[in-house]
Amino acid sequence: MSNFSDMMGYLGLSHDEAAAALNVSKDEIVRWCSTSEAPPIHIWQRLVRMLDEIRMSAEEAAKSADLDHIDASDLNRITLTVPGQGASEFAGLKRAATAMAVATLARVFV
């Protein structure tokens, strides 16, 4: 395993989705995930942009929630869109953003 592989797991991207999102071959994704070979800096920069898009989506969802009238069952019905050109196309990225938004809103009950 590699840090790159951990990033793919955190983002919820399959090898095919990662290849499409990063505009590289699936073989490169597999190599970066399973060996110590690191991707070039522009790939890491794209991953950072994806993480930023996820964070911004989660923050916007949390900001738009009516915290005075939210209950625990509302946490299971949160929907959001992920901004950005690439991130919105992949289910894994949307799941990551939704999980982060739900976690942010769940803090209301802590």
PDB file of N, CA and C in Angstrom:
ATOM      1  N   MET A   1       0.842  -1.183   0.000  1.00  0.00           N
ATOM      2  CA  MET A   1       0.000   0.000   0.000  1.00  0.00           C
ATOM      3  C   MET A   1       0.889   1.250   0.000  1.00  0.00           C
ATOM      4  N   SER A   2       0.294   2.329  -0.430  1.00  0.00           N
ATOM      5  CA  SER A   2       1.010   3.596  -0.506  1.00  0.00           C
ATOM      6  C   SER A   2       0.109   4.717  -0.015  1.00  0.00           C
ATOM      7  N   ASN A   3       0.688   5.858   0.195  1.00  0.00           N
ATOM      8  CA  ASN A   3      -0.125   7.026   0.552  1.00  0.00           C
ATOM      9  C   ASN A   3      -1.095   7.359  -0.574  1.00  0.00           C
ATOM     10  N   PHE A   4      -0.662   7.160  -1.803  1.00  0.00           N
ATOM     11  CA  PHE A   4      -1.542   7.393  -2.937  1.00  0.00           C
ATOM     12  C   PHE A   4      -2.747   6.455  -2.858  1.00  0.00           C
ATOM     13  N   SER A   5      -2.503   5.208  -2.534  1.00  0.00           N
ATOM     14  CA  SER A   5      -3.589   4.234  -2.384  1.00  0.00           C
ATOM     15  C   SER A   5      -4.547   4.657  -1.269  1.00  0.00           C
ATOM     16  N   ASP A   6      -3.994   5.154  -0.178  1.00  0.00           N
ATOM     17  CA  ASP A   6      -4.837   5.639   0.923  1.00  0.00           C
ATOM     18  C   ASP A   6      -5.715   6.805   0.473  1.00  0.00           C
ATOM     19  N   MET A   7      -5.153   7.685  -0.338  1.00  0.00           N
ATOM     20  CA  MET A   7      -5.933   8.814  -0.862  1.00  0.00           C
ATOM     21  C   MET A   7      -7.075   8.319  -1.742  1.00  0.00           C
ATOM     22  N   MET A   8      -6.788   7.334  -2.579  1.00  0.00           N
ATOM     23  CA  MET A   8      -7.836   6.777  -3.447  1.00  0.00           C
ATOM     24  C   MET A   8      -8.956   6.178  -2.597  1.00  0.00           C
ATOM     25  N   GLY A   9      -8.571   5.477  -1.521  1.00  0.00           N
ATOM     26  CA  GLY A   9      -9.572   4.897  -0.631  1.00  0.00           C
ATOM     27  C   GLY A   9     -10.385   5.967   0.071  1.00  0.00           C
ATOM     28  N   TYR A  10      -9.734   7.008   0.550  1.00  0.00           N
ATOM     29  CA  TYR A  10     -10.433   8.087   1.243  1.00  0.00           C
ATOM     30  C   TYR A  10     -11.409   8.792   0.315  1.00  0.00           C
ATOM     31  N   LEU A  11     -11.000   8.980  -0.922  1.00  0.00           N
ATOM     32  CA  LEU A  11     -11.847   9.645  -1.906  1.00  0.00           C
ATOM     33  C   LEU A  11     -12.917   8.715  -2.467  1.00  0.00           C
ATOM     34  N   GLY A  12     -12.783   7.433  -2.210  1.00  0.00           N
ATOM     35  CA  GLY A  12     -13.776   6.480  -2.684  1.00  0.00           C
ATOM     36  C   GLY A  12     -13.694   6.203  -4.170  1.00  0.00           C
ATOM     37  N   LEU A  13     -12.526   6.418  -4.752  1.00  0.00           N
ATOM     38  CA  LEU A  13     -12.366   6.233  -6.193  1.00  0.00           C
ATOM     39  C   LEU A  13     -11.883   4.824  -6.515  1.00  0.00           C
ATOM     40  N   SER A  14     -12.540   4.188  -7.473  1.00  0.00           N
ATOM     41  CA  SER A  14     -12.041   2.926  -8.003  1.00  0.00           C
ATOM     42  C   SER A  14     -10.842   3.248  -8.898  1.00  0.00           C
ATOM     43  N   HIS A  15     -10.122   2.226  -9.294  1.00  0.00           N
ATOM     44  CA  HIS A  15      -8.985   2.459 -10.197  1.00  0.00           C
ATOM     45  C   HIS A  15      -9.444   3.084 -11.509  1.00  0.00           C
ATOM     46  N   ASP A  16     -10.573   2.607 -12.022  1.00  0.00           N
ATOM     47  CA  ASP A  16     -11.087   3.168 -13.275  1.00  0.00           C
ATOM     48  C   ASP A  16     -11.495   4.633 -13.106  1.00  0.00           C
ATOM     49  N   GLU A  17     -12.184   4.938 -12.013  1.00  0.00           N
ATOM     50  CA  GLU A  17     -12.595   6.330 -11.763  1.00  0.00           C
ATOM     51  C   GLU A  17     -11.385   7.230 -11.567  1.00  0.00           C
ATOM     52  N   ALA A  18     -10.396   6.747 -10.817  1.00  0.00           N
ATOM     53  CA  ALA A  18      -9.189   7.545 -10.579  1.00  0.00           C
ATOM     54  C   ALA A  18      -8.475   7.827 -11.899  1.00  0.00           C
ATOM     55  N   ALA A  19      -8.388   6.818 -12.744  1.00  0.00           N
ATOM     56  CA  ALA A  19      -7.730   7.010 -14.044  1.00  0.00           C
ATOM     57  C   ALA A  19      -8.466   8.073 -14.858  1.00  0.00           C
ATOM     58  N   ALA A  20      -9.791   8.003 -14.868  1.00  0.00           N
ATOM     59  CA  ALA A  20     -10.574   8.990 -15.619  1.00  0.00           C
ATOM     60  C   ALA A  20     -10.449  10.383 -15.002  1.00  0.00           C
ATOM     61  N   ALA A  21     -10.548  10.469 -13.675  1.00  0.00           N
ATOM     62  CA  ALA A  21     -10.488  11.764 -12.997  1.00  0.00           C
ATOM     63  C   ALA A  21      -9.125  12.424 -13.138  1.00  0.00           C
ATOM     64  N   LEU A  22      -8.085  11.619 -13.147  1.00  0.00           N
ATOM     65  CA  LEU A  22      -6.725  12.155 -13.186  1.00  0.00           C
ATOM     66  C   LEU A  22      -6.126  12.149 -14.596  1.00  0.00           C
ATOM     67  N   ASN A  23      -6.908  11.641 -15.556  1.00  0.00           N
ATOM     68  CA  ASN A  23      -6.485  11.616 -16.953  1.00  0.00           C
ATOM     69  C   ASN A  23      -5.164  10.856 -17.151  1.00  0.00           C
ATOM     70  N   VAL A  24      -5.124   9.670 -16.546  1.00  0.00           N
ATOM     71  CA  VAL A  24      -3.973   8.780 -16.689  1.00  0.00           C
ATOM     72  C   VAL A  24      -4.501   7.373 -16.965  1.00  0.00           C
ATOM     73  N   SER A  25      -3.608   6.447 -17.221  1.00  0.00           N
ATOM     74  CA  SER A  25      -4.049   5.071 -17.476  1.00  0.00           C
ATOM     75  C   SER A  25      -4.332   4.345 -16.162  1.00  0.00           C
ATOM     76  N   LYS A  26      -5.176   3.334 -16.254  1.00  0.00           N
ATOM     77  CA  LYS A  26      -5.467   2.500 -15.088  1.00  0.00           C
ATOM     78  C   LYS A  26      -4.188   1.823 -14.600  1.00  0.00           C
ATOM     79  N   ASP A  27      -3.312   1.433 -15.512  1.00  0.00           N
ATOM     80  CA  ASP A  27      -2.045   0.804 -15.127  1.00  0.00           C
ATOM     81  C   ASP A  27      -1.203   1.721 -14.243  1.00  0.00           C
ATOM     82  N   GLU A  28      -1.208   3.026 -14.549  1.00  0.00           N
ATOM     83  CA  GLU A  28      -0.460   3.975 -13.710  1.00  0.00           C
ATOM     84  C   GLU A  28      -1.066   4.042 -12.316  1.00  0.00           C
ATOM     85  N   ILE A  29      -2.399   4.076 -12.245  1.00  0.00           N
ATOM     86  CA  ILE A  29      -3.069   4.120 -10.943  1.00  0.00           C
ATOM     87  C   ILE A  29      -2.697   2.888 -10.130  1.00  0.00           C
ATOM     88  N   VAL A  30      -2.792   1.720 -10.737  1.00  0.00           N
ATOM     89  CA  VAL A  30      -2.462   0.471 -10.047  1.00  0.00           C
ATOM     90  C   VAL A  30      -1.006   0.501  -9.572  1.00  0.00           C
ATOM     91  N   ARG A  31      -0.094   0.953 -10.417  1.00  0.00           N
ATOM     92  CA  ARG A  31       1.326   1.022 -10.055  1.00  0.00           C
ATOM     93  C   ARG A  31       1.550   1.962  -8.875  1.00  0.00           C
ATOM     94  N   TRP A  32       0.917   3.147  -8.911  1.00  0.00           N
ATOM     95  CA  TRP A  32       1.097   4.113  -7.828  1.00  0.00           C
ATOM     96  C   TRP A  32       0.479   3.616  -6.522  1.00  0.00           C
ATOM     97  N   CYS A  33      -0.563   2.809  -6.626  1.00  0.00           N
ATOM     98  CA  CYS A  33      -1.223   2.272  -5.434  1.00  0.00           C
ATOM     99  C   CYS A  33      -0.450   1.111  -4.821  1.00  0.00           C
ATOM    100  N   SER A  34       0.200   0.314  -5.652  1.00  0.00           N
ATOM    101  CA  SER A  34       0.765  -0.940  -5.161  1.00  0.00           C
ATOM    102  C   SER A  34       2.284  -0.968  -5.044  1.00  0.00           C
ATOM    103  N   THR A  35       2.947   0.105  -5.434  1.00  0.00           N
ATOM    104  CA  THR A  35       4.409   0.159  -5.318  1.00  0.00           C
ATOM    105  C   THR A  35       4.803   1.447  -4.591  1.00  0.00           C
ATOM    106  N   SER A  36       6.100   1.604  -4.404  1.00  0.00           N
ATOM    107  CA  SER A  36       6.583   2.828  -3.757  1.00  0.00           C
ATOM    108  C   SER A  36       6.749   3.969  -4.763  1.00  0.00           C
ATOM    109  N   GLU A  37       6.483   3.695  -6.039  1.00  0.00           N
ATOM    110  CA  GLU A  37       6.588   4.749  -7.049  1.00  0.00           C
ATOM    111  C   GLU A  37       5.480   5.784  -6.834  1.00  0.00           C
ATOM    112  N   ALA A  38       5.871   7.031  -6.763  1.00  0.00           N
ATOM    113  CA  ALA A  38       4.911   8.115  -6.527  1.00  0.00           C
ATOM    114  C   ALA A  38       4.499   8.769  -7.840  1.00  0.00           C
ATOM    115  N   PRO A  39       3.261   9.237  -7.894  1.00  0.00           N
ATOM    116  CA  PRO A  39       2.829   9.970  -9.088  1.00  0.00           C
ATOM    117  C   PRO A  39       3.505  11.340  -9.148  1.00  0.00           C
ATOM    118  N   PRO A  40       3.488  11.975 -10.319  1.00  0.00           N
ATOM    119  CA  PRO A  40       4.067  13.323 -10.439  1.00  0.00           C
ATOM    120  C   PRO A  40       3.255  14.352  -9.641  1.00  0.00           C
ATOM    121  N   ILE A  41       3.857  15.482  -9.406  1.00  0.00           N
ATOM    122  CA  ILE A  41       3.257  16.517  -8.562  1.00  0.00           C
ATOM    123  C   ILE A  41       1.900  16.981  -9.083  1.00  0.00           C
ATOM    124  N   HIS A  42       1.700  17.028 -10.396  1.00  0.00           N
ATOM    125  CA  HIS A  42       0.415  17.508 -10.897  1.00  0.00           C
ATOM    126  C   HIS A  42      -0.724  16.555 -10.511  1.00  0.00           C
ATOM    127  N   ILE A  43      -0.422  15.300 -10.305  1.00  0.00           N
ATOM    128  CA  ILE A  43      -1.440  14.348  -9.843  1.00  0.00           C
ATOM    129  C   ILE A  43      -1.789  14.642  -8.387  1.00  0.00           C
ATOM    130  N   TRP A  44      -0.781  14.865  -7.550  1.00  0.00           N
ATOM    131  CA  TRP A  44      -1.041  15.223  -6.154  1.00  0.00           C
ATOM    132  C   TRP A  44      -1.838  16.525  -6.074  1.00  0.00           C
ATOM    133  N   GLN A  45      -1.501  17.483  -6.928  1.00  0.00           N
ATOM    134  CA  GLN A  45      -2.237  18.754  -6.935  1.00  0.00           C
ATOM    135  C   GLN A  45      -3.697  18.550  -7.296  1.00  0.00           C
ATOM    136  N   ARG A  46      -3.973  17.669  -8.231  1.00  0.00           N
ATOM    137  CA  ARG A  46      -5.368  17.369  -8.611  1.00  0.00           C
ATOM    138  C   ARG A  46      -6.107  16.716  -7.446  1.00  0.00           C
ATOM    139  N   LEU A  47      -5.426  15.845  -6.722  1.00  0.00           N
ATOM    140  CA  LEU A  47      -6.040  15.218  -5.546  1.00  0.00           C
ATOM    141  C   LEU A  47      -6.388  16.268  -4.485  1.00  0.00           C
ATOM    142  N   VAL A  48      -5.507  17.225  -4.308  1.00  0.00           N
ATOM    143  CA  VAL A  48      -5.771  18.308  -3.350  1.00  0.00           C
ATOM    144  C   VAL A  48      -7.005  19.096  -3.782  1.00  0.00           C
ATOM    145  N   ARG A  49      -7.129  19.371  -5.074  1.00  0.00           N
ATOM    146  CA  ARG A  49      -8.317  20.088  -5.568  1.00  0.00           C
ATOM    147  C   ARG A  49      -9.587  19.268  -5.313  1.00  0.00           C
ATOM    148  N   MET A  50      -9.513  17.960  -5.515  1.00  0.00           N
ATOM    149  CA  MET A  50     -10.677  17.113  -5.234  1.00  0.00           C
ATOM    150  C   MET A  50     -11.049  17.172  -3.754  1.00  0.00           C
ATOM    151  N   LEU A  51     -10.046  17.085  -2.893  1.00  0.00           N
ATOM    152  CA  LEU A  51     -10.317  17.177  -1.453  1.00  0.00           C
ATOM    153  C   LEU A  51     -10.921  18.526  -1.089  1.00  0.00           C
ATOM    154  N   ASP A  52     -10.428  19.593  -1.716  1.00  0.00           N
ATOM    155  CA  ASP A  52     -10.993  20.922  -1.470  1.00  0.00           C
ATOM    156  C   ASP A  52     -12.447  20.993  -1.920  1.00  0.00           C
ATOM    157  N   GLU A  53     -12.753  20.387  -3.064  1.00  0.00           N
ATOM    158  CA  GLU A  53     -14.136  20.382  -3.563  1.00  0.00           C
ATOM    159  C   GLU A  53     -15.051  19.631  -2.603  1.00  0.00           C
ATOM    160  N   ILE A  54     -14.570  18.526  -2.066  1.00  0.00           N
ATOM    161  CA  ILE A  54     -15.343  17.747  -1.096  1.00  0.00           C
ATOM    162  C   ILE A  54     -15.579  18.577   0.162  1.00  0.00           C
ATOM    163  N   ARG A  55     -14.519  19.187   0.666  1.00  0.00           N
ATOM    164  CA  ARG A  55     -14.650  20.000   1.883  1.00  0.00           C
ATOM    165  C   ARG A  55     -15.617  21.157   1.684  1.00  0.00           C
ATOM    166  N   MET A  56     -15.512  21.839   0.540  1.00  0.00           N
ATOM    167  CA  MET A  56     -16.410  22.970   0.277  1.00  0.00           C
ATOM    168  C   MET A  56     -17.864  22.509   0.184  1.00  0.00           C
ATOM    169  N   SER A  57     -18.095  21.371  -0.439  1.00  0.00           N
ATOM    170  CA  SER A  57     -19.459  20.839  -0.527  1.00  0.00           C
ATOM    171  C   SER A  57     -20.012  20.530   0.851  1.00  0.00           C
ATOM    172  N   ALA A  58     -19.199  19.906   1.676  1.00  0.00           N
ATOM    173  CA  ALA A  58     -19.634  19.559   3.029  1.00  0.00           C
ATOM    174  C   ALA A  58     -19.928  20.817   3.839  1.00  0.00           C
ATOM    175  N   GLU A  59     -19.067  21.812   3.720  1.00  0.00           N
ATOM    176  CA  GLU A  59     -19.275  23.063   4.459  1.00  0.00           C
ATOM    177  C   GLU A  59     -20.549  23.764   3.999  1.00  0.00           C
ATOM    178  N   GLU A  60     -20.791  23.802   2.700  1.00  0.00           N
ATOM    179  CA  GLU A  60     -21.997  24.446   2.175  1.00  0.00           C
ATOM    180  C   GLU A  60     -23.258  23.715   2.638  1.00  0.00           C
ATOM    181  N   ALA A  61     -23.213  22.390   2.645  1.00  0.00           N
ATOM    182  CA  ALA A  61     -24.372  21.619   3.106  1.00  0.00           C
ATOM    183  C   ALA A  61     -24.632  21.899   4.581  1.00  0.00           C
ATOM    184  N   ALA A  62     -23.579  21.959   5.368  1.00  0.00           N
ATOM    185  CA  ALA A  62     -23.740  22.226   6.797  1.00  0.00           C
ATOM    186  C   ALA A  62     -24.256  23.644   7.033  1.00  0.00           C
ATOM    187  N   LYS A  63     -23.761  24.611   6.277  1.00  0.00           N
ATOM    188  CA  LYS A  63     -24.205  25.998   6.431  1.00  0.00           C
ATOM    189  C   LYS A  63     -25.679  26.168   6.071  1.00  0.00           C
ATOM    190  N   SER A  64     -26.134  25.406   5.098  1.00  0.00           N
ATOM    191  CA  SER A  64     -27.503  25.588   4.629  1.00  0.00           C
ATOM    192  C   SER A  64     -28.533  24.845   5.480  1.00  0.00           C
ATOM    193  N   ALA A  65     -28.069  24.030   6.400  1.00  0.00           N
ATOM    194  CA  ALA A  65     -29.002  23.272   7.245  1.00  0.00           C
ATOM    195  C   ALA A  65     -29.640  24.192   8.284  1.00  0.00           C
ATOM    196  N   ASP A  66     -30.880  23.923   8.598  1.00  0.00           N
ATOM    197  CA  ASP A  66     -31.601  24.666   9.631  1.00  0.00           C
ATOM    198  C   ASP A  66     -31.317  23.991  10.965  1.00  0.00           C
ATOM    199  N   LEU A  67     -30.278  24.438  11.635  1.00  0.00           N
ATOM    200  CA  LEU A  67     -29.817  23.779  12.847  1.00  0.00           C
ATOM    201  C   LEU A  67     -30.827  23.845  13.988  1.00  0.00           C
ATOM    202  N   ASP A  68     -31.717  24.822  13.954  1.00  0.00           N
ATOM    203  CA  ASP A  68     -32.725  24.927  15.015  1.00  0.00           C
ATOM    204  C   ASP A  68     -33.809  23.862  14.897  1.00  0.00           C
ATOM    205  N   HIS A  69     -33.955  23.304  13.711  1.00  0.00           N
ATOM    206  CA  HIS A  69     -35.036  22.344  13.496  1.00  0.00           C
ATOM    207  C   HIS A  69     -34.549  20.999  12.971  1.00  0.00           C
ATOM    208  N   ILE A  70     -33.280  20.732  13.104  1.00  0.00           N
ATOM    209  CA  ILE A  70     -32.737  19.475  12.606  1.00  0.00           C
ATOM    210  C   ILE A  70     -32.894  18.386  13.666  1.00  0.00           C
ATOM    211  N   ASP A  71     -33.213  17.187  13.223  1.00  0.00           N
ATOM    212  CA  ASP A  71     -33.211  16.061  14.149  1.00  0.00           C
ATOM    213  C   ASP A  71     -32.363  14.943  13.546  1.00  0.00           C
ATOM    214  N   ALA A  72     -32.130  13.914  14.320  1.00  0.00           N
ATOM    215  CA  ALA A  72     -31.209  12.861  13.903  1.00  0.00           C
ATOM    216  C   ALA A  72     -31.633  12.197  12.595  1.00  0.00           C
ATOM    217  N   SER A  73     -32.926  12.071  12.357  1.00  0.00           N
ATOM    218  CA  SER A  73     -33.363  11.416  11.123  1.00  0.00           C
ATOM    219  C   SER A  73     -33.020  12.252   9.879  1.00  0.00           C
ATOM    220  N   ASP A  74     -32.871  13.560  10.046  1.00  0.00           N
ATOM    221  CA  ASP A  74     -32.488  14.407   8.921  1.00  0.00           C
ATOM    222  C   ASP A  74     -31.098  14.056   8.387  1.00  0.00           C
ATOM    223  N   LEU A  75     -30.249  13.528   9.263  1.00  0.00           N
ATOM    224  CA  LEU A  75     -28.884  13.206   8.850  1.00  0.00           C
ATOM    225  C   LEU A  75     -28.855  12.131   7.765  1.00  0.00           C
ATOM    226  N   ASN A  76     -29.888  11.331   7.705  1.00  0.00           N
ATOM    227  CA  ASN A  76     -29.929  10.262   6.709  1.00  0.00           C
ATOM    228  C   ASN A  76     -30.500  10.730   5.372  1.00  0.00           C
ATOM    229  N   ARG A  77     -30.906  11.977   5.304  1.00  0.00           N
ATOM    230  CA  ARG A  77     -31.531  12.488   4.077  1.00  0.00           C
ATOM    231  C   ARG A  77     -30.749  13.637   3.438  1.00  0.00           C
ATOM    232  N   ILE A  78     -29.533  13.823   3.844  1.00  0.00           N
ATOM    233  CA  ILE A  78     -28.725  14.917   3.298  1.00  0.00           C
ATOM    234  C   ILE A  78     -28.318  14.592   1.867  1.00  0.00           C
ATOM    235  N   THR A  79     -28.562  15.530   0.979  1.00  0.00           N
ATOM    236  CA  THR A  79     -28.087  15.399  -0.398  1.00  0.00           C
ATOM    237  C   THR A  79     -27.307  16.655  -0.735  1.00  0.00           C
ATOM    238  N   LEU A  80     -26.313  16.512  -1.553  1.00  0.00           N
ATOM    239  CA  LEU A  80     -25.524  17.672  -1.937  1.00  0.00           C
ATOM    240  C   LEU A  80     -24.884  17.430  -3.277  1.00  0.00           C
ATOM    241  N   THR A  81     -24.423  18.502  -3.861  1.00  0.00           N
ATOM    242  CA  THR A  81     -23.681  18.403  -5.111  1.00  0.00           C
ATOM    243  C   THR A  81     -22.252  18.813  -4.838  1.00  0.00           C
ATOM    244  N   VAL A  82     -21.349  18.199  -5.547  1.00  0.00           N
ATOM    245  CA  VAL A  82     -19.931  18.507  -5.398  1.00  0.00           C
ATOM    246  C   VAL A  82     -19.542  19.435  -6.534  1.00  0.00           C
ATOM    247  N   PRO A  83     -19.036  20.627  -6.202  1.00  0.00           N
ATOM    248  CA  PRO A  83     -18.652  21.552  -7.266  1.00  0.00           C
ATOM    249  C   PRO A  83     -17.383  21.084  -7.960  1.00  0.00           C
ATOM    250  N   GLY A  84     -17.076  21.717  -9.032  1.00  0.00           N
ATOM    251  CA  GLY A  84     -15.842  21.390  -9.737  1.00  0.00           C
ATOM    252  C   GLY A  84     -16.106  20.505 -10.931  1.00  0.00           C
ATOM    253  N   GLN A  85     -15.194  20.547 -11.864  1.00  0.00           N
ATOM    254  CA  GLN A  85     -15.391  19.836 -13.107  1.00  0.00           C
ATOM    255  C   GLN A  85     -15.321  18.333 -12.934  1.00  0.00           C
ATOM    256  N   GLY A  86     -14.324  17.820 -12.249  1.00  0.00           N
ATOM    257  CA  GLY A  86     -14.156  16.384 -12.187  1.00  0.00           C
ATOM    258  C   GLY A  86     -14.870  15.719 -11.040  1.00  0.00           C
ATOM    259  N   ALA A  87     -14.901  16.365  -9.913  1.00  0.00           N
ATOM    260  CA  ALA A  87     -15.378  15.707  -8.710  1.00  0.00           C
ATOM    261  C   ALA A  87     -16.837  15.309  -8.772  1.00  0.00           C
ATOM    262  N   SER A  88     -17.656  16.102  -9.420  1.00  0.00           N
ATOM    263  CA  SER A  88     -19.084  15.822  -9.415  1.00  0.00           C
ATOM    264  C   SER A  88     -19.454  14.596 -10.244  1.00  0.00           C
ATOM    265  N   GLU A  89     -18.537  14.111 -11.051  1.00  0.00           N
ATOM    266  CA  GLU A  89     -18.828  12.978 -11.927  1.00  0.00           C
ATOM    267  C   GLU A  89     -18.697  11.627 -11.236  1.00  0.00           C
ATOM    268  N   PHE A  90     -18.086  11.555 -10.071  1.00  0.00           N
ATOM    269  CA  PHE A  90     -17.726  10.281  -9.476  1.00  0.00           C
ATOM    270  C   PHE A  90     -18.458  10.047  -8.159  1.00  0.00           C
ATOM    271  N   ALA A  91     -19.079   8.893  -8.071  1.00  0.00           N
ATOM    272  CA  ALA A  91     -19.890   8.559  -6.901  1.00  0.00           C
ATOM    273  C   ALA A  91     -19.065   8.551  -5.618  1.00  0.00           C
ATOM    274  N   GLY A  92     -17.826   8.092  -5.693  1.00  0.00           N
ATOM    275  CA  GLY A  92     -16.981   8.045  -4.496  1.00  0.00           C
ATOM    276  C   GLY A  92     -16.752   9.413  -3.894  1.00  0.00           C
ATOM    277  N   LEU A  93     -16.536  10.396  -4.737  1.00  0.00           N
ATOM    278  CA  LEU A  93     -16.299  11.753  -4.247  1.00  0.00           C
ATOM    279  C   LEU A  93     -17.559  12.328  -3.624  1.00  0.00           C
ATOM    280  N   LYS A  94     -18.705  12.029  -4.218  1.00  0.00           N
ATOM    281  CA  LYS A  94     -19.958  12.504  -3.648  1.00  0.00           C
ATOM    282  C   LYS A  94     -20.218  11.826  -2.302  1.00  0.00           C
ATOM    283  N   ARG A  95     -19.909  10.539  -2.188  1.00  0.00           N
ATOM    284  CA  ARG A  95     -20.067   9.844  -0.910  1.00  0.00           C
ATOM    285  C   ARG A  95     -19.159  10.446   0.157  1.00  0.00           C
ATOM    286  N   ALA A  96     -17.925  10.777  -0.210  1.00  0.00           N
ATOM    287  CA  ALA A  96     -16.995  11.379   0.748  1.00  0.00           C
ATOM    288  C   ALA A  96     -17.508  12.731   1.223  1.00  0.00           C
ATOM    289  N   ALA A  97     -18.007  13.540   0.309  1.00  0.00           N
ATOM    290  CA  ALA A  97     -18.541  14.858   0.677  1.00  0.00           C
ATOM    291  C   ALA A  97     -19.774  14.711   1.561  1.00  0.00           C
ATOM    292  N   THR A  98     -20.638  13.780   1.235  1.00  0.00           N
ATOM    293  CA  THR A  98     -21.843  13.566   2.033  1.00  0.00           C
ATOM    294  C   THR A  98     -21.465  13.096   3.430  1.00  0.00           C
ATOM    295  N   ALA A  99     -20.518  12.178   3.530  1.00  0.00           N
ATOM    296  CA  ALA A  99     -20.081  11.688   4.845  1.00  0.00           C
ATOM    297  C   ALA A  99     -19.519  12.824   5.693  1.00  0.00           C
ATOM    298  N   MET A 100     -18.751  13.703   5.066  1.00  0.00           N
ATOM    299  CA  MET A 100     -18.174  14.826   5.801  1.00  0.00           C
ATOM    300  C   MET A 100     -19.269  15.800   6.245  1.00  0.00           C
ATOM    301  N   ALA A 101     -20.254  16.048   5.389  1.00  0.00           N
ATOM    302  CA  ALA A 101     -21.358  16.942   5.749  1.00  0.00           C
ATOM    303  C   ALA A 101     -22.171  16.353   6.892  1.00  0.00           C
ATOM    304  N   VAL A 102     -22.460  15.064   6.829  1.00  0.00           N
ATOM    305  CA  VAL A 102     -23.224  14.407   7.894  1.00  0.00           C
ATOM    306  C   VAL A 102     -22.447  14.471   9.209  1.00  0.00           C
ATOM    307  N   ALA A 103     -21.143  14.222   9.159  1.00  0.00           N
ATOM    308  CA  ALA A 103     -20.335  14.295  10.374  1.00  0.00           C
ATOM    309  C   ALA A 103     -20.341  15.703  10.962  1.00  0.00           C
ATOM    310  N   THR A 104     -20.264  16.696  10.098  1.00  0.00           N
ATOM    311  CA  THR A 104     -20.298  18.085  10.559  1.00  0.00           C
ATOM    312  C   THR A 104     -21.630  18.396  11.243  1.00  0.00           C
ATOM    313  N   LEU A 105     -22.707  17.971  10.616  1.00  0.00           N
ATOM    314  CA  LEU A 105     -24.041  18.236  11.186  1.00  0.00           C
ATOM    315  C   LEU A 105     -24.305  17.399  12.429  1.00  0.00           C
ATOM    316  N   ALA A 106     -23.763  16.205  12.499  1.00  0.00           N
ATOM    317  CA  ALA A 106     -23.968  15.344  13.670  1.00  0.00           C
ATOM    318  C   ALA A 106     -23.366  15.969  14.931  1.00  0.00           C
ATOM    319  N   ARG A 107     -22.397  16.847  14.766  1.00  0.00           N
ATOM    320  CA  ARG A 107     -21.801  17.510  15.923  1.00  0.00           C
ATOM    321  C   ARG A 107     -22.834  18.349  16.684  1.00  0.00           C
ATOM    322  N   VAL A 108     -23.929  18.703  16.024  1.00  0.00           N
ATOM    323  CA  VAL A 108     -25.000  19.462  16.680  1.00  0.00           C
ATOM    324  C   VAL A 108     -25.537  18.667  17.870  1.00  0.00           C
ATOM    325  N   PHE A 109     -25.506  17.349  17.762  1.00  0.00           N
ATOM    326  CA  PHE A 109     -26.092  16.495  18.783  1.00  0.00           C
ATOM    327  C   PHE A 109     -25.097  16.081  19.863  1.00  0.00           C
ATOM    328  N   VAL A 110     -23.868  16.517  19.745  1.00  0.00           N
ATOM    329  CA  VAL A 110     -22.830  16.106  20.711  1.00  0.00           C
ATOM    330  C   VAL A 110     -22.802  17.065  21.886  1.00  0.00           C
TER     331      VAL A 110
END
